[in-house]
Amino acid sequence: MVLPPSPLQDRTVPVKRITATAETQEAVCGVIVADYLDDFSEIYATTIAITEIHPEQANNQIRNALTHLARALTSQDATAIRDNLEKAGSHIERGKRDCIKTAIALLKDRISSTLYRIEHEHGLIPRSIKDRLRIIEAKRKSAYKNEAKGDISVSGEMEDILADLLELEESLFETFHIPGKVIFFLKRWLLITLKNIRITFYAVSVGCLSSYLVLVNFENSTEAKTFAIKIWSSTLVFIKSLF
């Protein structure tokens, strides 16, 4: 299959040239270096390390930012250049917040799961940890409310919340022996199975005793035999529902 020539190869296709002044080009480079490379990329890498995924919403914001930077480079209007530079920076900032919120959401779930496993292994969670988690949650809700109101300066607060959650998770692993997921769930399955075995034994005992008492007291009654069979059937249905 022959691919069509690219615009750079086919000179008959008009190519939009960069006509920006040196000042505009410097401003665009400033957004790329300061907002994207120095600020966004670090948070983006941290989010990938925590979540093991590429945040799609953040990627969309970066594509939008790139569009505005391209418009700034190909525009001759000073107002349009300024507006596109501001919009590009705004998209990068929103992408950064999207990354932080994605990482915070996963960390919250991971810490909740860890606390659940700690509680089953060691008993009650210390109040100091619960208080610490409550403070972090209050800060998170406050930051998200401020963002919803249009406050674009909450990125710093969100970064602090993310750092607090990472520190809390690390301290949990340092303080407690946390069982692995496989061992934890095997142990949980064993406890549930043993509990169901005890319930099954109790159900069988009750079923046998009830049937025996019915047959002894109504030895020659067809209705009694039918009732005893119903008791056994109900017992078997109950046992089956446990497994």
Protein backbone atom coordinates (compact mmCIF):
# COMPACT_ATOMS: atom_id res chain seq x y z
CA MET A 1 0.00 0.00 0.00
CA VAL A 2 1.36 3.39 -1.01
CA LEU A 3 0.90 6.11 1.56
CA PRO A 4 0.07 9.63 0.40
CA PRO A 5 2.92 12.14 0.72
CA SER A 6 3.01 14.25 3.85
CA PRO A 7 2.51 18.02 3.63
CA LEU A 8 6.25 18.44 4.16
CA GLN A 9 7.03 16.22 1.17
CA ASP A 10 4.29 17.46 -1.16
CA ARG A 11 5.11 21.07 -2.04
CA THR A 12 1.70 21.49 -3.68
CA VAL A 13 0.03 21.33 -0.25
CA PRO A 14 0.21 24.72 1.50
CA VAL A 15 2.05 24.57 4.81
CA LYS A 16 1.29 27.11 7.50
CA ARG A 17 4.52 28.77 8.48
CA ILE A 18 5.49 30.18 11.86
CA THR A 19 5.37 33.92 11.48
CA ALA A 20 5.63 34.81 15.17
CA THR A 21 8.08 37.36 16.42
CA ALA A 22 11.06 36.40 18.56
CA GLU A 23 9.15 37.70 21.58
CA THR A 24 6.18 35.41 20.90
CA GLN A 25 8.42 32.42 20.30
CA GLU A 26 10.16 33.10 23.60
CA ALA A 27 6.79 33.34 25.38
CA VAL A 28 5.68 30.00 23.88
CA CYS A 29 8.97 28.38 24.95
CA GLY A 30 8.42 29.83 28.41
CA VAL A 31 5.04 28.08 28.71
CA ILE A 32 6.52 24.81 27.47
CA VAL A 33 9.52 24.90 29.79
CA ALA A 34 8.00 26.42 32.94
CA ASP A 35 4.42 25.13 32.87
CA TYR A 36 4.87 21.81 31.09
CA LEU A 37 8.41 20.52 31.66
CA ASP A 38 9.15 21.95 35.11
CA ASP A 39 5.66 21.80 36.63
CA PHE A 40 3.30 19.37 34.87
CA SER A 41 5.67 16.60 33.82
CA GLU A 42 6.81 15.89 37.39
CA ILE A 43 3.24 15.50 38.64
CA TYR A 44 2.36 13.44 35.56
CA ALA A 45 5.25 11.05 36.23
CA THR A 46 4.29 10.78 39.90
CA THR A 47 0.69 9.96 38.97
CA ILE A 48 1.78 7.22 36.56
CA ALA A 49 4.06 5.78 39.25
CA ILE A 50 1.15 5.67 41.74
CA THR A 51 -1.70 4.60 39.47
CA GLU A 52 0.21 2.72 36.74
CA ILE A 53 -1.99 4.36 34.10
CA HIS A 54 -1.74 7.42 31.86
CA PRO A 55 -4.47 9.86 32.99
CA GLU A 56 -6.60 10.31 29.87
CA GLN A 57 -8.19 13.57 30.97
CA ALA A 58 -4.75 15.10 31.58
CA ASN A 59 -3.66 13.97 28.11
CA ASN A 60 -6.68 15.76 26.64
CA GLN A 61 -5.70 18.95 28.44
CA ILE A 62 -2.17 18.78 27.05
CA ARG A 63 -3.50 18.31 23.51
CA ASN A 64 -5.68 21.38 23.99
CA ALA A 65 -2.71 23.32 25.32
CA LEU A 66 -0.64 22.35 22.27
CA THR A 67 -3.41 23.63 19.98
CA HIS A 68 -3.35 27.04 21.67
CA LEU A 69 0.45 27.21 21.52
CA ALA A 70 0.32 26.48 17.79
CA ARG A 71 -2.28 29.21 17.32
CA ALA A 72 -0.09 31.64 19.21
CA LEU A 73 2.88 30.84 16.97
CA THR A 74 0.88 31.32 13.77
CA SER A 75 -1.07 34.42 14.80
CA GLN A 76 -0.24 38.04 14.00
CA ASP A 77 -2.74 39.52 16.44
CA ALA A 78 -1.22 40.49 19.80
CA THR A 79 -4.49 39.95 21.70
CA ALA A 80 -5.01 36.50 20.16
CA ILE A 81 -1.42 35.56 20.97
CA ARG A 82 -1.84 36.60 24.60
CA ASP A 83 -5.19 34.83 24.93
CA ASN A 84 -3.85 31.59 23.44
CA LEU A 85 -0.81 31.64 25.71
CA GLU A 86 -3.07 32.10 28.75
CA LYS A 87 -5.41 29.33 27.59
CA ALA A 88 -2.46 26.99 27.01
CA GLY A 89 -1.18 27.61 30.53
CA SER A 90 -4.70 27.11 31.90
CA HIS A 91 -5.06 23.74 30.16
CA ILE A 92 -1.69 22.58 31.48
CA GLU A 93 -2.70 23.65 34.99
CA ARG A 94 -6.02 21.78 34.72
CA GLY A 95 -4.17 18.73 33.45
CA LYS A 96 -1.92 18.93 36.48
CA ARG A 97 -4.92 19.06 38.83
CA ASP A 98 -6.52 16.12 36.99
CA CYS A 99 -3.34 14.10 37.58
CA ILE A 100 -3.29 14.96 41.28
CA LYS A 101 -6.97 14.09 41.74
CA THR A 102 -6.50 10.77 39.96
CA ALA A 103 -3.57 9.90 42.23
CA ILE A 104 -5.45 11.04 45.37
CA ALA A 105 -8.50 8.91 44.50
CA LEU A 106 -6.39 5.78 44.02
CA LEU A 107 -4.33 6.42 47.16
CA LYS A 108 -7.50 6.87 49.23
CA ASP A 109 -8.82 3.50 48.03
CA ARG A 110 -5.46 1.85 48.59
CA ILE A 111 -5.13 3.22 52.12
CA SER A 112 -8.71 2.15 52.95
CA SER A 113 -7.90 -1.36 51.78
CA THR A 114 -4.68 -1.35 53.79
CA LEU A 115 -6.48 -0.17 56.94
CA TYR A 116 -9.08 -2.92 56.48
CA ARG A 117 -6.34 -5.53 56.31
CA ILE A 118 -4.54 -4.01 59.32
CA GLU A 119 -7.76 -4.07 61.35
CA HIS A 120 -8.30 -7.76 60.63
CA GLU A 121 -4.68 -8.58 61.42
CA HIS A 122 -4.03 -6.35 64.47
CA GLY A 123 -7.45 -5.32 65.76
CA LEU A 124 -8.56 -1.70 66.12
CA ILE A 125 -6.84 1.08 64.17
CA PRO A 126 -5.06 3.60 66.47
CA ARG A 127 -6.99 6.85 66.91
CA SER A 128 -3.96 8.89 65.82
CA ILE A 129 -4.14 7.31 62.36
CA LYS A 130 -7.89 7.87 62.12
CA ASP A 131 -7.46 11.52 63.16
CA ARG A 132 -4.69 11.96 60.62
CA LEU A 133 -6.84 10.51 57.86
CA ARG A 134 -9.80 12.68 58.93
CA ILE A 135 -7.67 15.84 58.66
CA ILE A 136 -6.45 14.88 55.20
CA GLU A 137 -10.02 14.18 54.07
CA ALA A 138 -11.18 17.58 55.36
CA LYS A 139 -8.37 19.30 53.44
CA ARG A 140 -9.28 17.35 50.30
CA LYS A 141 -12.95 18.35 50.46
CA SER A 142 -12.00 21.99 51.06
CA ALA A 143 -9.61 22.04 48.10
CA TYR A 144 -12.16 20.42 45.77
CA LYS A 145 -14.85 22.89 46.83
CA ASN A 146 -12.51 25.82 46.17
CA GLU A 147 -11.65 24.40 42.75
CA ALA A 148 -15.37 24.07 41.93
CA LYS A 149 -15.76 27.77 42.80
CA GLY A 150 -13.10 28.67 40.24
CA ASP A 151 -10.08 29.01 42.51
CA ILE A 152 -7.13 28.07 40.27
CA SER A 153 -4.60 28.36 43.10
CA VAL A 154 -5.59 25.06 44.74
CA SER A 155 -2.95 23.02 42.95
CA GLY A 156 -0.52 23.65 45.80
CA GLU A 157 -3.09 22.44 48.35
CA MET A 158 -3.73 19.32 46.27
CA GLU A 159 -0.01 18.60 46.05
CA ASP A 160 0.20 18.83 49.85
CA ILE A 161 -2.74 16.41 50.21
CA LEU A 162 -1.08 13.96 47.83
CA ALA A 163 2.17 14.21 49.80
CA ASP A 164 0.27 13.65 53.08
CA LEU A 165 -1.40 10.51 51.71
CA LEU A 166 1.89 9.11 50.43
CA GLU A 167 3.49 9.78 53.81
CA LEU A 168 0.56 8.15 55.64
CA GLU A 169 0.72 5.05 53.44
CA GLU A 170 4.46 4.75 54.00
CA SER A 171 4.06 5.09 57.77
CA LEU A 172 1.41 2.34 57.78
CA PHE A 173 3.79 -0.08 56.10
CA GLU A 174 6.58 0.91 58.48
CA THR A 175 4.43 0.58 61.62
CA PHE A 176 2.33 -2.51 60.90
CA HIS A 177 2.87 -5.93 59.46
CA ILE A 178 0.39 -5.95 56.61
CA PRO A 179 -0.47 -9.33 55.13
CA GLY A 180 -0.18 -9.77 51.39
CA LYS A 181 -3.31 -9.70 49.31
CA VAL A 182 -3.26 -13.42 48.45
CA ILE A 183 -2.61 -14.51 52.03
CA PHE A 184 -5.16 -12.03 53.34
CA PHE A 185 -7.95 -13.19 51.04
CA LEU A 186 -7.12 -16.87 51.60
CA LYS A 187 -7.32 -16.29 55.32
CA ARG A 188 -10.60 -14.40 54.91
CA TRP A 189 -12.00 -17.22 52.74
CA LEU A 190 -10.95 -19.79 55.35
CA LEU A 191 -12.65 -17.86 58.17
CA ILE A 192 -15.88 -17.53 56.16
CA THR A 193 -15.76 -21.22 55.24
CA LEU A 194 -15.27 -22.28 58.86
CA LYS A 195 -18.13 -20.04 59.90
CA ASN A 196 -20.38 -21.57 57.24
CA ILE A 197 -19.37 -25.08 58.33
CA ARG A 198 -20.45 -24.26 61.88
CA ILE A 199 -23.75 -22.86 60.60
CA THR A 200 -24.22 -25.93 58.38
CA PHE A 201 -23.61 -28.27 61.31
CA TYR A 202 -26.14 -26.32 63.37
CA ALA A 203 -28.68 -26.39 60.50
CA VAL A 204 -28.28 -30.14 59.99
CA SER A 205 -28.65 -30.75 63.73
CA VAL A 206 -31.82 -28.66 63.90
CA GLY A 207 -33.20 -30.33 60.77
CA CYS A 208 -32.56 -33.85 62.15
CA LEU A 209 -34.01 -33.03 65.55
CA SER A 210 -37.10 -31.35 64.07
CA SER A 211 -37.76 -34.24 61.69
CA TYR A 212 -37.28 -36.80 64.47
CA LEU A 213 -39.66 -35.00 66.83
CA VAL A 214 -42.32 -34.67 64.13
CA LEU A 215 -42.12 -38.36 63.16
CA VAL A 216 -42.12 -39.57 66.79
CA ASN A 217 -45.11 -37.49 67.78
CA PHE A 218 -47.07 -38.12 64.58
CA GLU A 219 -45.84 -41.59 63.70
CA ASN A 220 -48.74 -42.67 61.48
CA SER A 221 -49.53 -39.32 59.93
CA THR A 222 -48.89 -38.80 56.21
CA GLU A 223 -48.99 -35.04 56.78
CA ALA A 224 -46.26 -35.40 59.39
CA LYS A 225 -44.02 -37.27 56.96
CA THR A 226 -44.64 -34.61 54.33
CA PHE A 227 -43.83 -31.90 56.86
CA ALA A 228 -40.60 -33.67 57.86
CA ILE A 229 -39.55 -33.85 54.21
CA LYS A 230 -40.23 -30.13 53.86
CA ILE A 231 -38.03 -29.44 56.88
CA TRP A 232 -35.18 -31.38 55.29
CA SER A 233 -35.70 -29.66 51.94
CA SER A 234 -35.60 -26.23 53.57
CA THR A 235 -32.47 -27.22 55.49
CA LEU A 236 -30.69 -28.33 52.29
CA VAL A 237 -31.73 -25.13 50.47
CA PHE A 238 -30.34 -23.06 53.37
CA ILE A 239 -27.05 -24.97 53.36
CA LYS A 240 -26.72 -24.57 49.59
CA SER A 241 -27.16 -20.79 49.89
CA LEU A 242 -24.09 -20.59 52.11
CA PHE A 243 -21.72 -21.85 49.42
